[in-house]
Amino acid sequence: MKKGKSIGILLIVIGLLFLLNNLNLIKVSIVELIRVYWPVILIWIGIDKLISKSAEKDS
């Protein structure tokens, strides 16, 4: 996955969480989600970098 797509998907997900929270469709603390799931974000960035490096070598 290209870096731009990865960042775009992350921003869309964060934006959707903010929107759903503001519309009171979900009751969640965005800060609490980031505090709990920050390792997942790091893993996602690492996997994205590995995939992009292997895709560059193949082409």
PDB file of N, CA and C in Angstrom:
ATOM      1  N   MET A   1       0.842  -1.163   0.000  1.00  0.00           N
ATOM      2  CA  MET A   1       0.000   0.000   0.000  1.00  0.00           C
ATOM      3  C   MET A   1       0.890   1.230   0.000  1.00  0.00           C
ATOM      4  N   LYS A   2       0.526   2.213  -0.778  1.00  0.00           N
ATOM      5  CA  LYS A   2       1.328   3.428  -0.806  1.00  0.00           C
ATOM      6  C   LYS A   2       1.109   4.233   0.458  1.00  0.00           C
ATOM      7  N   LYS A   3       2.100   5.052   0.796  1.00  0.00           N
ATOM      8  CA  LYS A   3       2.041   5.823   2.030  1.00  0.00           C
ATOM      9  C   LYS A   3       0.839   6.755   2.043  1.00  0.00           C
ATOM     10  N   GLY A   4       0.528   7.369   0.918  1.00  0.00           N
ATOM     11  CA  GLY A   4      -0.599   8.283   0.858  1.00  0.00           C
ATOM     12  C   GLY A   4      -1.916   7.591   1.123  1.00  0.00           C
ATOM     13  N   LYS A   5      -2.073   6.381   0.612  1.00  0.00           N
ATOM     14  CA  LYS A   5      -3.312   5.635   0.844  1.00  0.00           C
ATOM     15  C   LYS A   5      -3.435   5.239   2.305  1.00  0.00           C
ATOM     16  N   SER A   6      -2.337   4.829   2.894  1.00  0.00           N
ATOM     17  CA  SER A   6      -2.337   4.401   4.289  1.00  0.00           C
ATOM     18  C   SER A   6      -2.736   5.559   5.202  1.00  0.00           C
ATOM     19  N   ILE A   7      -2.153   6.700   4.989  1.00  0.00           N
ATOM     20  CA  ILE A   7      -2.472   7.878   5.807  1.00  0.00           C
ATOM     21  C   ILE A   7      -3.903   8.317   5.551  1.00  0.00           C
ATOM     22  N   GLY A   8      -4.345   8.233   4.312  1.00  0.00           N
ATOM     23  CA  GLY A   8      -5.712   8.600   3.978  1.00  0.00           C
ATOM     24  C   GLY A   8      -6.729   7.723   4.683  1.00  0.00           C
ATOM     25  N   ILE A   9      -6.483   6.420   4.688  1.00  0.00           N
ATOM     26  CA  ILE A   9      -7.390   5.495   5.370  1.00  0.00           C
ATOM     27  C   ILE A   9      -7.416   5.783   6.869  1.00  0.00           C
ATOM     28  N   LEU A  10      -6.262   6.045   7.452  1.00  0.00           N
ATOM     29  CA  LEU A  10      -6.192   6.358   8.880  1.00  0.00           C
ATOM     30  C   LEU A  10      -6.995   7.619   9.196  1.00  0.00           C
ATOM     31  N   LEU A  11      -6.860   8.652   8.377  1.00  0.00           N
ATOM     32  CA  LEU A  11      -7.598   9.892   8.609  1.00  0.00           C
ATOM     33  C   LEU A  11      -9.101   9.700   8.446  1.00  0.00           C
ATOM     34  N   ILE A  12      -9.508   8.882   7.479  1.00  0.00           N
ATOM     35  CA  ILE A  12     -10.932   8.599   7.303  1.00  0.00           C
ATOM     36  C   ILE A  12     -11.496   7.885   8.524  1.00  0.00           C
ATOM     37  N   VAL A  13     -10.778   6.902   9.034  1.00  0.00           N
ATOM     38  CA  VAL A  13     -11.243   6.168  10.212  1.00  0.00           C
ATOM     39  C   VAL A  13     -11.348   7.095  11.420  1.00  0.00           C
ATOM     40  N   ILE A  14     -10.357   7.920  11.624  1.00  0.00           N
ATOM     41  CA  ILE A  14     -10.395   8.854  12.755  1.00  0.00           C
ATOM     42  C   ILE A  14     -11.541   9.846  12.580  1.00  0.00           C
ATOM     43  N   GLY A  15     -11.730  10.337  11.365  1.00  0.00           N
ATOM     44  CA  GLY A  15     -12.827  11.264  11.092  1.00  0.00           C
ATOM     45  C   GLY A  15     -14.183  10.639  11.334  1.00  0.00           C
ATOM     46  N   LEU A  16     -14.341   9.364  10.928  1.00  0.00           N
ATOM     47  CA  LEU A  16     -15.605   8.665  11.169  1.00  0.00           C
ATOM     48  C   LEU A  16     -15.868   8.492  12.661  1.00  0.00           C
ATOM     49  N   LEU A  17     -14.823   8.182  13.417  1.00  0.00           N
ATOM     50  CA  LEU A  17     -14.991   8.054  14.864  1.00  0.00           C
ATOM     51  C   LEU A  17     -15.441   9.371  15.490  1.00  0.00           C
ATOM     52  N   PHE A  18     -14.816  10.475  15.083  1.00  0.00           N
ATOM     53  CA  PHE A  18     -15.225  11.786  15.587  1.00  0.00           C
ATOM     54  C   PHE A  18     -16.671  12.097  15.202  1.00  0.00           C
ATOM     55  N   LEU A  19     -17.041  11.818  13.963  1.00  0.00           N
ATOM     56  CA  LEU A  19     -18.395  12.088  13.488  1.00  0.00           C
ATOM     57  C   LEU A  19     -19.425  11.272  14.265  1.00  0.00           C
ATOM     58  N   LEU A  20     -19.191   9.978  14.395  1.00  0.00           N
ATOM     59  CA  LEU A  20     -20.131   9.130  15.123  1.00  0.00           C
ATOM     60  C   LEU A  20     -20.238   9.536  16.590  1.00  0.00           C
ATOM     61  N   ASN A  21     -19.136   9.967  17.153  1.00  0.00           N
ATOM     62  CA  ASN A  21     -19.143  10.434  18.539  1.00  0.00           C
ATOM     63  C   ASN A  21     -19.956  11.721  18.665  1.00  0.00           C
ATOM     64  N   ASN A  22     -19.789  12.665  17.722  1.00  0.00           N
ATOM     65  CA  ASN A  22     -20.526  13.925  17.765  1.00  0.00           C
ATOM     66  C   ASN A  22     -22.009  13.727  17.519  1.00  0.00           C
ATOM     67  N   LEU A  23     -22.378  12.728  16.718  1.00  0.00           N
ATOM     68  CA  LEU A  23     -23.784  12.446  16.455  1.00  0.00           C
ATOM     69  C   LEU A  23     -24.411  11.578  17.540  1.00  0.00           C
ATOM     70  N   ASN A  24     -23.652  11.259  18.561  1.00  0.00           N
ATOM     71  CA  ASN A  24     -24.084  10.421  19.686  1.00  0.00           C
ATOM     72  C   ASN A  24     -24.544   9.037  19.231  1.00  0.00           C
ATOM     73  N   LEU A  25     -23.972   8.537  18.155  1.00  0.00           N
ATOM     74  CA  LEU A  25     -24.265   7.177  17.713  1.00  0.00           C
ATOM     75  C   LEU A  25     -23.393   6.171  18.437  1.00  0.00           C
ATOM     76  N   ILE A  26     -22.246   6.617  18.892  1.00  0.00           N
ATOM     77  CA  ILE A  26     -21.383   5.790  19.718  1.00  0.00           C
ATOM     78  C   ILE A  26     -20.963   6.620  20.919  1.00  0.00           C
ATOM     79  N   LYS A  27     -20.782   5.975  22.012  1.00  0.00           N
ATOM     80  CA  LYS A  27     -20.307   6.645  23.226  1.00  0.00           C
ATOM     81  C   LYS A  27     -18.889   6.153  23.479  1.00  0.00           C
ATOM     82  N   VAL A  28     -17.937   6.887  22.952  1.00  0.00           N
ATOM     83  CA  VAL A  28     -16.553   6.456  23.093  1.00  0.00           C
ATOM     84  C   VAL A  28     -15.673   7.686  23.260  1.00  0.00           C
ATOM     85  N   SER A  29     -14.660   7.537  24.037  1.00  0.00           N
ATOM     86  CA  SER A  29     -13.675   8.594  24.210  1.00  0.00           C
ATOM     87  C   SER A  29     -12.558   8.362  23.198  1.00  0.00           C
ATOM     88  N   ILE A  30     -12.386   9.312  22.298  1.00  0.00           N
ATOM     89  CA  ILE A  30     -11.351   9.193  21.272  1.00  0.00           C
ATOM     90  C   ILE A  30      -9.972   9.105  21.929  1.00  0.00           C
ATOM     91  N   VAL A  31      -9.770   9.881  22.971  1.00  0.00           N
ATOM     92  CA  VAL A  31      -8.477   9.856  23.675  1.00  0.00           C
ATOM     93  C   VAL A  31      -8.244   8.479  24.286  1.00  0.00           C
ATOM     94  N   GLU A  32      -9.293   7.877  24.830  1.00  0.00           N
ATOM     95  CA  GLU A  32      -9.171   6.547  25.428  1.00  0.00           C
ATOM     96  C   GLU A  32      -8.826   5.505  24.359  1.00  0.00           C
ATOM     97  N   LEU A  33      -9.455   5.619  23.185  1.00  0.00           N
ATOM     98  CA  LEU A  33      -9.135   4.693  22.086  1.00  0.00           C
ATOM     99  C   LEU A  33      -7.673   4.804  21.673  1.00  0.00           C
ATOM    100  N   ILE A  34      -7.186   6.016  21.534  1.00  0.00           N
ATOM    101  CA  ILE A  34      -5.791   6.214  21.136  1.00  0.00           C
ATOM    102  C   ILE A  34      -4.865   5.698  22.239  1.00  0.00           C
ATOM    103  N   ARG A  35      -5.218   5.941  23.492  1.00  0.00           N
ATOM    104  CA  ARG A  35      -4.379   5.489  24.605  1.00  0.00           C
ATOM    105  C   ARG A  35      -4.287   3.972  24.652  1.00  0.00           C
ATOM    106  N   VAL A  36      -5.377   3.294  24.345  1.00  0.00           N
ATOM    107  CA  VAL A  36      -5.406   1.841  24.422  1.00  0.00           C
ATOM    108  C   VAL A  36      -4.814   1.199  23.173  1.00  0.00           C
ATOM    109  N   TYR A  37      -5.135   1.735  22.001  1.00  0.00           N
ATOM    110  CA  TYR A  37      -4.787   1.064  20.747  1.00  0.00           C
ATOM    111  C   TYR A  37      -3.591   1.666  20.013  1.00  0.00           C
ATOM    112  N   TRP A  38      -2.766   2.483  20.665  1.00  0.00           N
ATOM    113  CA  TRP A  38      -1.627   3.065  19.969  1.00  0.00           C
ATOM    114  C   TRP A  38      -0.648   2.004  19.464  1.00  0.00           C
ATOM    115  N   PRO A  39      -0.487   0.858  20.130  1.00  0.00           N
ATOM    116  CA  PRO A  39       0.419  -0.152  19.563  1.00  0.00           C
ATOM    117  C   PRO A  39      -0.076  -0.697  18.216  1.00  0.00           C
ATOM    118  N   VAL A  40      -1.386  -0.778  18.051  1.00  0.00           N
ATOM    119  CA  VAL A  40      -1.938  -1.253  16.779  1.00  0.00           C
ATOM    120  C   VAL A  40      -1.577  -0.290  15.656  1.00  0.00           C
ATOM    121  N   ILE A  41      -1.600   1.002  15.949  1.00  0.00           N
ATOM    122  CA  ILE A  41      -1.224   2.000  14.946  1.00  0.00           C
ATOM    123  C   ILE A  41       0.234   1.813  14.548  1.00  0.00           C
ATOM    124  N   LEU A  42       1.097   1.576  15.521  1.00  0.00           N
ATOM    125  CA  LEU A  42       2.516   1.358  15.212  1.00  0.00           C
ATOM    126  C   LEU A  42       2.720   0.089  14.388  1.00  0.00           C
ATOM    127  N   ILE A  43       1.998  -0.970  14.730  1.00  0.00           N
ATOM    128  CA  ILE A  43       2.108  -2.216  13.967  1.00  0.00           C
ATOM    129  C   ILE A  43       1.634  -1.999  12.539  1.00  0.00           C
ATOM    130  N   TRP A  44       0.535  -1.270  12.371  1.00  0.00           N
ATOM    131  CA  TRP A  44      -0.009  -0.998  11.042  1.00  0.00           C
ATOM    132  C   TRP A  44       1.004  -0.216  10.197  1.00  0.00           C
ATOM    133  N   ILE A  45       1.634   0.779  10.783  1.00  0.00           N
ATOM    134  CA  ILE A  45       2.643   1.566  10.056  1.00  0.00           C
ATOM    135  C   ILE A  45       3.819   0.672   9.676  1.00  0.00           C
ATOM    136  N   GLY A  46       4.249  -0.208  10.578  1.00  0.00           N
ATOM    137  CA  GLY A  46       5.366  -1.110  10.286  1.00  0.00           C
ATOM    138  C   GLY A  46       5.044  -2.073   9.158  1.00  0.00           C
ATOM    139  N   ILE A  47       3.852  -2.662   9.182  1.00  0.00           N
ATOM    140  CA  ILE A  47       3.450  -3.580   8.112  1.00  0.00           C
ATOM    141  C   ILE A  47       3.352  -2.845   6.792  1.00  0.00           C
ATOM    142  N   ASP A  48       2.828  -1.625   6.822  1.00  0.00           N
ATOM    143  CA  ASP A  48       2.726  -0.821   5.609  1.00  0.00           C
ATOM    144  C   ASP A  48       4.103  -0.553   5.010  1.00  0.00           C
ATOM    145  N   LYS A  49       5.064  -0.253   5.864  1.00  0.00           N
ATOM    146  CA  LYS A  49       6.421  -0.009   5.374  1.00  0.00           C
ATOM    147  C   LYS A  49       7.044  -1.270   4.788  1.00  0.00           C
ATOM    148  N   LEU A  50       6.816  -2.423   5.427  1.00  0.00           N
ATOM    149  CA  LEU A  50       7.341  -3.680   4.895  1.00  0.00           C
ATOM    150  C   LEU A  50       6.736  -4.004   3.537  1.00  0.00           C
ATOM    151  N   ILE A  51       5.442  -3.824   3.411  1.00  0.00           N
ATOM    152  CA  ILE A  51       4.773  -4.114   2.145  1.00  0.00           C
ATOM    153  C   ILE A  51       5.244  -3.163   1.056  1.00  0.00           C
ATOM    154  N   SER A  52       5.395  -1.887   1.388  1.00  0.00           N
ATOM    155  CA  SER A  52       5.822  -0.923   0.375  1.00  0.00           C
ATOM    156  C   SER A  52       7.274  -1.180  -0.043  1.00  0.00           C
ATOM    157  N   LYS A  53       8.123  -1.617   0.889  1.00  0.00           N
ATOM    158  CA  LYS A  53       9.523  -1.926   0.530  1.00  0.00           C
ATOM    159  C   LYS A  53       9.578  -3.137  -0.409  1.00  0.00           C
ATOM    160  N   SER A  54       8.777  -4.166  -0.129  1.00  0.00           N
ATOM    161  CA  SER A  54       8.802  -5.361  -0.985  1.00  0.00           C
ATOM    162  C   SER A  54       8.177  -5.064  -2.344  1.00  0.00           C
ATOM    163  N   ALA A  55       7.207  -4.177  -2.394  1.00  0.00           N
ATOM    164  CA  ALA A  55       6.591  -3.812  -3.668  1.00  0.00           C
ATOM    165  C   ALA A  55       7.572  -3.022  -4.535  1.00  0.00           C
ATOM    166  N   GLU A  56       8.407  -2.185  -3.895  1.00  0.00           N
ATOM    167  CA  GLU A  56       9.419  -1.429  -4.632  1.00  0.00           C
ATOM    168  C   GLU A  56      10.481  -2.352  -5.213  1.00  0.00           C
ATOM    169  N   LYS A  57      10.850  -3.391  -4.478  1.00  0.00           N
ATOM    170  CA  LYS A  57      11.868  -4.331  -4.965  1.00  0.00           C
ATOM    171  C   LYS A  57      11.350  -5.144  -6.129  1.00  0.00           C
ATOM    172  N   ASP A  58      10.059  -5.506  -6.126  1.00  0.00           N
ATOM    173  CA  ASP A  58       9.481  -6.322  -7.179  1.00  0.00           C
ATOM    174  C   ASP A  58       9.348  -5.572  -8.493  1.00  0.00           C
ATOM    175  N   SER A  59       9.200  -4.263  -8.442  1.00  0.00           N
ATOM    176  CA  SER A  59       8.996  -3.511  -9.685  1.00  0.00           C
ATOM    177  C   SER A  59      10.263  -2.923 -10.243  1.00  0.00           C
TER     178      SER A  59
END
